[in-house]
Amino acid sequence: MIVKELKVMLLTFETIRAKDVENYIGRDNVLIIDLRESNEYNKAHIPTAINIPYIDYENREITLPLDQLLILYCDRGNLSLLLARELSNEGYQVKNIYGGIRAYRGQLER
């Protein structure tokens, strides 16, 4: 029983495939967040994504909206996975992009 409760507590967000991100681009109620450093974001990023480097959130310099779906990605999906878990435990609706931007095959903005 305790193990089931722990699993529910730890996995309260969804991981989506990179190709499914296309379904969320441009939606008013969705905020796509690139957690990479600004120089990486400026080279290329998923359309409509905003850049909030992981370190800025980790230092609590950023406040995120509770009324929007947050879709997180980083380079390979590791940092975004950690932050997705943390944000979902804080009450945010979160999805993590499996494999990060390296897995994304759609058009990128520069």
N, C-alpha and C. Protein backbone atom coordinates (compact mmCIF):
# COMPACT_ATOMS: atom_id res chain seq x y z
N MET A 1 0.83 -1.19 0.00
CA MET A 1 0.00 0.00 0.00
C MET A 1 0.87 1.25 0.00
N ILE A 2 1.89 1.29 0.81
CA ILE A 2 2.77 2.46 0.88
C ILE A 2 3.49 2.67 -0.45
N VAL A 3 3.91 1.60 -1.09
CA VAL A 3 4.61 1.70 -2.37
C VAL A 3 3.70 2.33 -3.42
N LYS A 4 2.44 1.92 -3.48
CA LYS A 4 1.49 2.50 -4.44
C LYS A 4 1.31 3.99 -4.19
N GLU A 5 1.19 4.38 -2.93
CA GLU A 5 1.02 5.80 -2.60
C GLU A 5 2.26 6.60 -2.99
N LEU A 6 3.43 6.03 -2.80
CA LEU A 6 4.67 6.69 -3.17
C LEU A 6 4.76 6.87 -4.68
N LYS A 7 4.38 5.85 -5.44
CA LYS A 7 4.38 5.95 -6.90
C LYS A 7 3.46 7.05 -7.38
N VAL A 8 2.29 7.14 -6.81
CA VAL A 8 1.34 8.18 -7.19
C VAL A 8 1.93 9.55 -6.88
N MET A 9 2.58 9.68 -5.75
CA MET A 9 3.16 10.96 -5.36
C MET A 9 4.30 11.36 -6.30
N LEU A 10 5.09 10.42 -6.74
CA LEU A 10 6.25 10.72 -7.57
C LEU A 10 5.91 10.88 -9.05
N LEU A 11 4.87 10.26 -9.53
CA LEU A 11 4.55 10.28 -10.95
C LEU A 11 3.23 10.99 -11.22
N THR A 12 3.17 12.26 -10.86
CA THR A 12 1.94 13.02 -11.03
C THR A 12 1.99 13.91 -12.26
N PHE A 13 2.86 13.59 -13.19
CA PHE A 13 2.94 14.32 -14.44
C PHE A 13 3.08 13.31 -15.57
N GLU A 14 2.88 13.79 -16.78
CA GLU A 14 2.93 12.91 -17.95
C GLU A 14 4.18 13.21 -18.76
N THR A 15 4.81 12.18 -19.27
CA THR A 15 5.90 12.34 -20.21
C THR A 15 5.32 12.11 -21.60
N ILE A 16 5.59 13.05 -22.51
CA ILE A 16 5.06 12.93 -23.86
C ILE A 16 6.21 12.75 -24.86
N ARG A 17 5.87 12.15 -25.99
CA ARG A 17 6.86 11.98 -27.05
C ARG A 17 7.10 13.32 -27.72
N ALA A 18 8.30 13.53 -28.20
CA ALA A 18 8.66 14.80 -28.83
C ALA A 18 7.75 15.11 -30.02
N LYS A 19 7.35 14.09 -30.76
CA LYS A 19 6.50 14.35 -31.93
C LYS A 19 5.10 14.83 -31.53
N ASP A 20 4.69 14.57 -30.30
CA ASP A 20 3.37 15.00 -29.84
C ASP A 20 3.33 16.47 -29.42
N VAL A 21 4.48 17.10 -29.34
CA VAL A 21 4.55 18.52 -28.96
C VAL A 21 3.78 19.37 -29.96
N GLU A 22 3.77 18.97 -31.21
CA GLU A 22 3.07 19.72 -32.26
C GLU A 22 1.62 20.00 -31.88
N ASN A 23 1.01 19.11 -31.13
CA ASN A 23 -0.39 19.27 -30.71
C ASN A 23 -0.60 20.40 -29.71
N TYR A 24 0.48 20.88 -29.11
CA TYR A 24 0.38 21.91 -28.07
C TYR A 24 0.89 23.28 -28.51
N ILE A 25 1.65 23.33 -29.58
CA ILE A 25 2.23 24.60 -30.04
C ILE A 25 1.12 25.57 -30.42
N GLY A 26 1.20 26.77 -29.87
CA GLY A 26 0.25 27.82 -30.21
C GLY A 26 -1.03 27.85 -29.38
N ARG A 27 -1.21 26.91 -28.48
CA ARG A 27 -2.41 26.92 -27.63
C ARG A 27 -2.29 27.99 -26.56
N ASP A 28 -3.40 28.67 -26.30
CA ASP A 28 -3.41 29.75 -25.30
C ASP A 28 -3.15 29.27 -23.88
N ASN A 29 -3.60 28.07 -23.57
CA ASN A 29 -3.50 27.56 -22.20
C ASN A 29 -2.24 26.72 -21.95
N VAL A 30 -1.28 26.80 -22.88
CA VAL A 30 -0.06 26.00 -22.79
C VAL A 30 1.17 26.91 -22.80
N LEU A 31 2.09 26.61 -21.92
CA LEU A 31 3.36 27.33 -21.89
C LEU A 31 4.48 26.29 -22.08
N ILE A 32 5.16 26.38 -23.22
CA ILE A 32 6.28 25.47 -23.50
C ILE A 32 7.54 26.16 -23.00
N ILE A 33 8.28 25.46 -22.14
CA ILE A 33 9.44 26.05 -21.48
C ILE A 33 10.71 25.28 -21.82
N ASP A 34 11.67 26.00 -22.39
CA ASP A 34 12.99 25.48 -22.70
C ASP A 34 13.88 25.77 -21.50
N LEU A 35 14.38 24.74 -20.86
CA LEU A 35 15.18 24.89 -19.64
C LEU A 35 16.68 24.99 -19.89
N ARG A 36 17.08 24.99 -21.15
CA ARG A 36 18.51 25.08 -21.47
C ARG A 36 19.03 26.49 -21.24
N GLU A 37 20.33 26.64 -21.24
CA GLU A 37 20.95 27.96 -21.11
C GLU A 37 20.53 28.84 -22.28
N SER A 38 20.54 30.14 -22.08
CA SER A 38 20.07 31.09 -23.09
C SER A 38 20.81 30.98 -24.41
N ASN A 39 22.12 30.73 -24.38
CA ASN A 39 22.86 30.61 -25.64
C ASN A 39 22.39 29.42 -26.46
N GLU A 40 22.00 28.33 -25.83
CA GLU A 40 21.47 27.16 -26.55
C GLU A 40 20.08 27.46 -27.10
N TYR A 41 19.26 28.10 -26.29
CA TYR A 41 17.91 28.49 -26.73
C TYR A 41 18.00 29.41 -27.95
N ASN A 42 18.92 30.35 -27.94
CA ASN A 42 19.05 31.30 -29.04
C ASN A 42 19.50 30.64 -30.34
N LYS A 43 20.19 29.51 -30.26
CA LYS A 43 20.60 28.78 -31.47
C LYS A 43 19.39 28.14 -32.14
N ALA A 44 18.52 27.53 -31.36
CA ALA A 44 17.32 26.87 -31.89
C ALA A 44 16.45 26.40 -30.74
N HIS A 45 15.12 26.52 -30.93
CA HIS A 45 14.17 26.08 -29.91
C HIS A 45 12.85 25.70 -30.57
N ILE A 46 12.03 25.00 -29.82
CA ILE A 46 10.70 24.61 -30.29
C ILE A 46 9.85 25.87 -30.45
N PRO A 47 9.08 25.98 -31.53
CA PRO A 47 8.26 27.18 -31.75
C PRO A 47 7.37 27.48 -30.54
N THR A 48 7.26 28.74 -30.23
CA THR A 48 6.49 29.35 -29.13
C THR A 48 7.09 29.10 -27.74
N ALA A 49 8.18 28.33 -27.66
CA ALA A 49 8.81 28.07 -26.36
C ALA A 49 9.43 29.34 -25.81
N ILE A 50 9.34 29.49 -24.50
CA ILE A 50 10.06 30.57 -23.83
C ILE A 50 11.26 29.95 -23.12
N ASN A 51 12.25 30.76 -22.86
CA ASN A 51 13.46 30.27 -22.23
C ASN A 51 13.49 30.66 -20.76
N ILE A 52 13.49 29.65 -19.92
CA ILE A 52 13.71 29.84 -18.49
C ILE A 52 14.77 28.82 -18.10
N PRO A 53 16.03 29.22 -18.09
CA PRO A 53 17.08 28.26 -17.74
C PRO A 53 16.80 27.59 -16.39
N TYR A 54 17.10 26.32 -16.32
CA TYR A 54 16.85 25.53 -15.11
C TYR A 54 17.40 26.22 -13.87
N ILE A 55 18.57 26.79 -13.99
CA ILE A 55 19.21 27.43 -12.84
C ILE A 55 18.36 28.59 -12.30
N ASP A 56 17.65 29.30 -13.18
CA ASP A 56 16.80 30.40 -12.73
C ASP A 56 15.65 29.89 -11.88
N TYR A 57 15.06 28.77 -12.28
CA TYR A 57 13.99 28.21 -11.46
C TYR A 57 14.57 27.64 -10.17
N GLU A 58 15.68 26.97 -10.29
CA GLU A 58 16.31 26.37 -9.11
C GLU A 58 16.63 27.44 -8.05
N ASN A 59 17.00 28.63 -8.49
CA ASN A 59 17.30 29.74 -7.58
C ASN A 59 16.04 30.50 -7.16
N ARG A 60 14.87 30.02 -7.60
CA ARG A 60 13.57 30.61 -7.25
C ARG A 60 13.41 32.05 -7.75
N GLU A 61 14.01 32.32 -8.90
CA GLU A 61 13.90 33.65 -9.50
C GLU A 61 12.67 33.77 -10.41
N ILE A 62 11.96 32.68 -10.62
CA ILE A 62 10.85 32.63 -11.58
C ILE A 62 9.57 32.17 -10.88
N THR A 63 8.46 32.81 -11.23
CA THR A 63 7.14 32.36 -10.80
C THR A 63 6.39 31.92 -12.04
N LEU A 64 5.82 30.74 -12.00
CA LEU A 64 5.11 30.18 -13.16
C LEU A 64 3.61 30.22 -12.93
N PRO A 65 2.82 30.33 -14.01
CA PRO A 65 1.36 30.38 -13.86
C PRO A 65 0.77 29.01 -13.53
N LEU A 66 -0.11 28.99 -12.55
CA LEU A 66 -0.78 27.75 -12.17
C LEU A 66 -1.93 27.39 -13.10
N ASP A 67 -2.41 28.36 -13.89
CA ASP A 67 -3.59 28.13 -14.73
C ASP A 67 -3.24 27.68 -16.14
N GLN A 68 -1.98 27.37 -16.40
CA GLN A 68 -1.59 26.90 -17.73
C GLN A 68 -0.91 25.54 -17.62
N LEU A 69 -1.02 24.76 -18.69
CA LEU A 69 -0.27 23.52 -18.80
C LEU A 69 1.17 23.88 -19.13
N LEU A 70 2.10 23.37 -18.34
CA LEU A 70 3.52 23.62 -18.57
C LEU A 70 4.13 22.41 -19.26
N ILE A 71 4.74 22.64 -20.41
CA ILE A 71 5.45 21.57 -21.12
C ILE A 71 6.93 21.90 -21.05
N LEU A 72 7.69 21.03 -20.43
CA LEU A 72 9.10 21.29 -20.17
C LEU A 72 10.00 20.44 -21.05
N TYR A 73 11.10 21.05 -21.47
CA TYR A 73 12.14 20.27 -22.14
C TYR A 73 13.50 20.89 -21.87
N CYS A 74 14.51 20.07 -22.01
CA CYS A 74 15.89 20.51 -21.90
C CYS A 74 16.64 19.86 -23.06
N ASP A 75 17.90 19.58 -22.91
CA ASP A 75 18.67 18.99 -24.00
C ASP A 75 18.25 17.54 -24.25
N ARG A 76 18.28 16.72 -23.21
CA ARG A 76 17.97 15.29 -23.36
C ARG A 76 16.81 14.81 -22.50
N GLY A 77 16.24 15.68 -21.71
CA GLY A 77 15.08 15.31 -20.91
C GLY A 77 15.35 15.03 -19.45
N ASN A 78 16.60 15.13 -19.01
CA ASN A 78 16.92 14.81 -17.62
C ASN A 78 16.53 15.92 -16.65
N LEU A 79 16.96 17.14 -16.92
CA LEU A 79 16.61 18.26 -16.04
C LEU A 79 15.12 18.53 -16.06
N SER A 80 14.52 18.43 -17.24
CA SER A 80 13.08 18.68 -17.33
C SER A 80 12.30 17.63 -16.56
N LEU A 81 12.79 16.42 -16.52
CA LEU A 81 12.14 15.36 -15.73
C LEU A 81 12.17 15.71 -14.24
N LEU A 82 13.31 16.17 -13.77
CA LEU A 82 13.42 16.56 -12.36
C LEU A 82 12.49 17.71 -12.02
N LEU A 83 12.48 18.73 -12.87
CA LEU A 83 11.64 19.89 -12.60
C LEU A 83 10.16 19.55 -12.76
N ALA A 84 9.81 18.69 -13.71
CA ALA A 84 8.41 18.28 -13.88
C ALA A 84 7.91 17.61 -12.61
N ARG A 85 8.71 16.77 -12.03
CA ARG A 85 8.32 16.09 -10.78
C ARG A 85 8.12 17.12 -9.67
N GLU A 86 9.05 18.04 -9.55
CA GLU A 86 8.96 19.06 -8.50
C GLU A 86 7.73 19.95 -8.69
N LEU A 87 7.53 20.43 -9.91
CA LEU A 87 6.39 21.33 -10.17
C LEU A 87 5.06 20.63 -9.99
N SER A 88 4.97 19.38 -10.41
CA SER A 88 3.71 18.66 -10.24
C SER A 88 3.39 18.46 -8.77
N ASN A 89 4.41 18.25 -7.96
CA ASN A 89 4.20 18.13 -6.52
C ASN A 89 3.79 19.45 -5.88
N GLU A 90 4.07 20.57 -6.57
CA GLU A 90 3.67 21.90 -6.10
C GLU A 90 2.29 22.30 -6.63
N GLY A 91 1.66 21.43 -7.41
CA GLY A 91 0.31 21.71 -7.88
C GLY A 91 0.19 22.17 -9.32
N TYR A 92 1.29 22.21 -10.05
CA TYR A 92 1.26 22.61 -11.45
C TYR A 92 0.84 21.44 -12.33
N GLN A 93 0.20 21.76 -13.45
CA GLN A 93 -0.12 20.75 -14.46
C GLN A 93 1.07 20.74 -15.42
N VAL A 94 1.79 19.61 -15.47
CA VAL A 94 3.07 19.55 -16.17
C VAL A 94 3.16 18.33 -17.08
N LYS A 95 3.82 18.53 -18.22
CA LYS A 95 4.20 17.43 -19.10
C LYS A 95 5.69 17.61 -19.41
N ASN A 96 6.39 16.50 -19.50
CA ASN A 96 7.81 16.49 -19.82
C ASN A 96 8.00 15.88 -21.20
N ILE A 97 8.86 16.49 -22.02
CA ILE A 97 9.14 15.95 -23.36
C ILE A 97 10.25 14.91 -23.24
N TYR A 98 9.91 13.67 -23.52
CA TYR A 98 10.86 12.56 -23.44
C TYR A 98 11.97 12.76 -24.48
N GLY A 99 13.21 12.75 -24.03
CA GLY A 99 14.34 12.89 -24.93
C GLY A 99 14.75 14.33 -25.20
N GLY A 100 13.99 15.29 -24.68
CA GLY A 100 14.33 16.70 -24.84
C GLY A 100 14.34 17.17 -26.28
N ILE A 101 15.03 18.26 -26.52
CA ILE A 101 15.06 18.84 -27.86
C ILE A 101 15.79 17.93 -28.85
N ARG A 102 16.68 17.09 -28.35
CA ARG A 102 17.39 16.17 -29.25
C ARG A 102 16.43 15.18 -29.91
N ALA A 103 15.32 14.90 -29.27
CA ALA A 103 14.34 13.96 -29.83
C ALA A 103 13.33 14.65 -30.73
N TYR A 104 13.27 15.97 -30.69
CA TYR A 104 12.28 16.73 -31.46
C TYR A 104 12.72 16.82 -32.92
N ARG A 105 11.84 16.44 -33.83
CA ARG A 105 12.16 16.43 -35.27
C ARG A 105 11.39 17.49 -36.05
N GLY A 106 10.59 18.29 -35.37
CA GLY A 106 9.81 19.32 -36.05
C GLY A 106 10.67 20.53 -36.38
N GLN A 107 10.01 21.52 -36.98
CA GLN A 107 10.68 22.77 -37.34
C GLN A 107 11.10 23.51 -36.07
N LEU A 108 12.30 24.04 -36.07
CA LEU A 108 12.80 24.81 -34.93
C LEU A 108 12.83 26.29 -35.27
N GLU A 109 12.64 27.12 -34.26
CA GLU A 109 12.79 28.57 -34.43
C GLU A 109 14.21 28.94 -34.04
N ARG A 110 14.69 29.98 -34.68
CA ARG A 110 16.05 30.48 -34.38
C ARG A 110 15.99 31.93 -34.02
